[in-house]
Amino acid sequence: MSTHGPVLPIWSCGGCDLPWPCLTRKRELRAEYADAPVSLALYLGSYLVQAAEDMPWAPAGALHHRFIGWTRQTTAPQRPSTATVPAEPDRDSRR
């Protein structure tokens, strides 16, 4: 169990007193949810809702970035998609 849990209702880190989730907790969460990024986003989304209720003065965009936005950032290069898009039929064949 991490000592870097949220201190409510101010949402600071219990381990380092930085805004939660702190860098340490983000690393821990990435490792815990390495094979389940959607589950991580859902988990943090529930915290986002709770934090928005506790901090109604905080801008929604800032809270989103703080709780969920970082989950899509990766350090490894992304491989290009191999998905193909079907060709659009030409105008003559649509008549």
Protein backbone atom coordinates (compact mmCIF):
# COMPACT_ATOMS: atom_id res chain seq x y z
CA MET A 1 0.00 0.00 0.00
CA SER A 2 1.35 3.41 -0.94
CA THR A 3 1.84 6.22 1.52
CA HIS A 4 1.05 8.56 -1.36
CA GLY A 5 -2.72 8.51 -0.96
CA PRO A 6 -5.01 11.54 -1.17
CA VAL A 7 -5.70 13.69 1.88
CA LEU A 8 -9.30 14.82 1.59
CA PRO A 9 -10.93 17.28 1.07
CA ILE A 10 -7.88 19.26 -0.05
CA TRP A 11 -6.54 16.51 -2.35
CA SER A 12 -2.91 16.77 -1.32
CA CYS A 13 -0.63 13.75 -1.13
CA GLY A 14 -0.29 12.11 2.27
CA GLY A 15 3.28 11.10 1.47
CA CYS A 16 4.82 14.27 0.06
CA ASP A 17 2.16 16.99 0.45
CA LEU A 18 2.08 17.76 -3.29
CA PRO A 19 -1.22 17.90 -5.20
CA TRP A 20 -2.58 14.36 -5.53
CA PRO A 21 -1.86 12.32 -7.57
CA CYS A 22 1.80 13.24 -7.11
CA LEU A 23 4.55 12.01 -9.44
CA THR A 24 5.31 9.05 -7.17
CA ARG A 25 1.68 7.93 -7.10
CA LYS A 26 1.36 8.39 -10.86
CA ARG A 27 4.35 6.06 -11.35
CA GLU A 28 2.81 3.54 -8.96
CA LEU A 29 -0.56 3.71 -10.71
CA ARG A 30 1.05 3.27 -14.13
CA ALA A 31 2.77 0.14 -12.87
CA GLU A 32 -0.38 -1.21 -11.19
CA TYR A 33 -2.53 -0.64 -14.27
CA ALA A 34 0.11 -1.30 -16.93
CA ASP A 35 -2.14 -3.77 -18.76
CA ALA A 36 -5.41 -1.96 -18.06
CA PRO A 37 -5.23 1.72 -19.12
CA VAL A 38 -9.00 2.04 -19.44
CA SER A 39 -9.45 0.73 -15.90
CA LEU A 40 -6.91 3.29 -14.70
CA ALA A 41 -8.84 6.10 -16.39
CA LEU A 42 -12.13 4.89 -14.87
CA TYR A 43 -10.55 4.60 -11.43
CA LEU A 44 -9.13 8.11 -11.63
CA GLY A 45 -12.38 9.40 -13.11
CA SER A 46 -14.18 8.46 -9.92
CA TYR A 47 -11.60 10.47 -7.98
CA LEU A 48 -12.05 13.37 -10.40
CA VAL A 49 -15.78 13.51 -9.65
CA GLN A 50 -15.10 13.44 -5.92
CA ALA A 51 -12.44 16.15 -6.21
CA ALA A 52 -14.74 18.37 -8.28
CA GLU A 53 -17.30 18.17 -5.48
CA ASP A 54 -14.67 18.98 -2.84
CA MET A 55 -13.08 21.80 -4.85
CA PRO A 56 -15.87 23.57 -6.76
CA TRP A 57 -13.60 26.60 -7.32
CA ALA A 58 -11.05 24.57 -9.31
CA PRO A 59 -11.32 24.83 -13.12
CA ALA A 60 -12.69 21.64 -14.66
CA GLY A 61 -9.91 21.49 -17.26
CA ALA A 62 -7.21 21.68 -14.61
CA LEU A 63 -8.84 18.91 -12.61
CA HIS A 64 -9.21 16.77 -15.72
CA HIS A 65 -5.53 17.19 -16.57
CA ARG A 66 -4.50 16.53 -12.98
CA PHE A 67 -6.53 13.35 -12.53
CA ILE A 68 -6.94 11.85 -16.01
CA GLY A 69 -5.03 13.81 -18.64
CA TRP A 70 -1.64 12.41 -17.67
CA THR A 71 -2.76 8.81 -18.22
CA ARG A 72 -2.52 9.16 -22.00
CA GLN A 73 1.01 10.56 -21.93
CA THR A 74 3.59 7.92 -22.64
CA THR A 75 7.34 7.93 -22.63
CA ALA A 76 7.64 5.19 -25.23
CA PRO A 77 7.17 6.13 -28.90
CA GLN A 78 3.83 5.19 -30.33
CA ARG A 79 3.76 2.73 -33.18
CA PRO A 80 1.87 3.93 -36.24
CA SER A 81 -1.54 2.45 -36.69
CA THR A 82 -1.90 -0.37 -39.17
CA ALA A 83 -5.63 0.26 -39.55
CA THR A 84 -6.79 1.18 -43.00
CA VAL A 85 -9.58 3.50 -43.98
CA PRO A 86 -11.85 2.28 -46.76
CA ALA A 87 -11.57 4.34 -49.91
CA GLU A 88 -14.43 6.71 -50.55
CA PRO A 89 -16.41 5.75 -53.64
CA ASP A 90 -15.95 8.13 -56.53
CA ARG A 91 -18.75 10.56 -57.40
CA ASP A 92 -19.76 8.74 -60.57
CA SER A 93 -20.56 5.50 -58.75
CA ARG A 94 -22.90 7.28 -56.29
CA ARG A 95 -25.34 8.43 -58.97
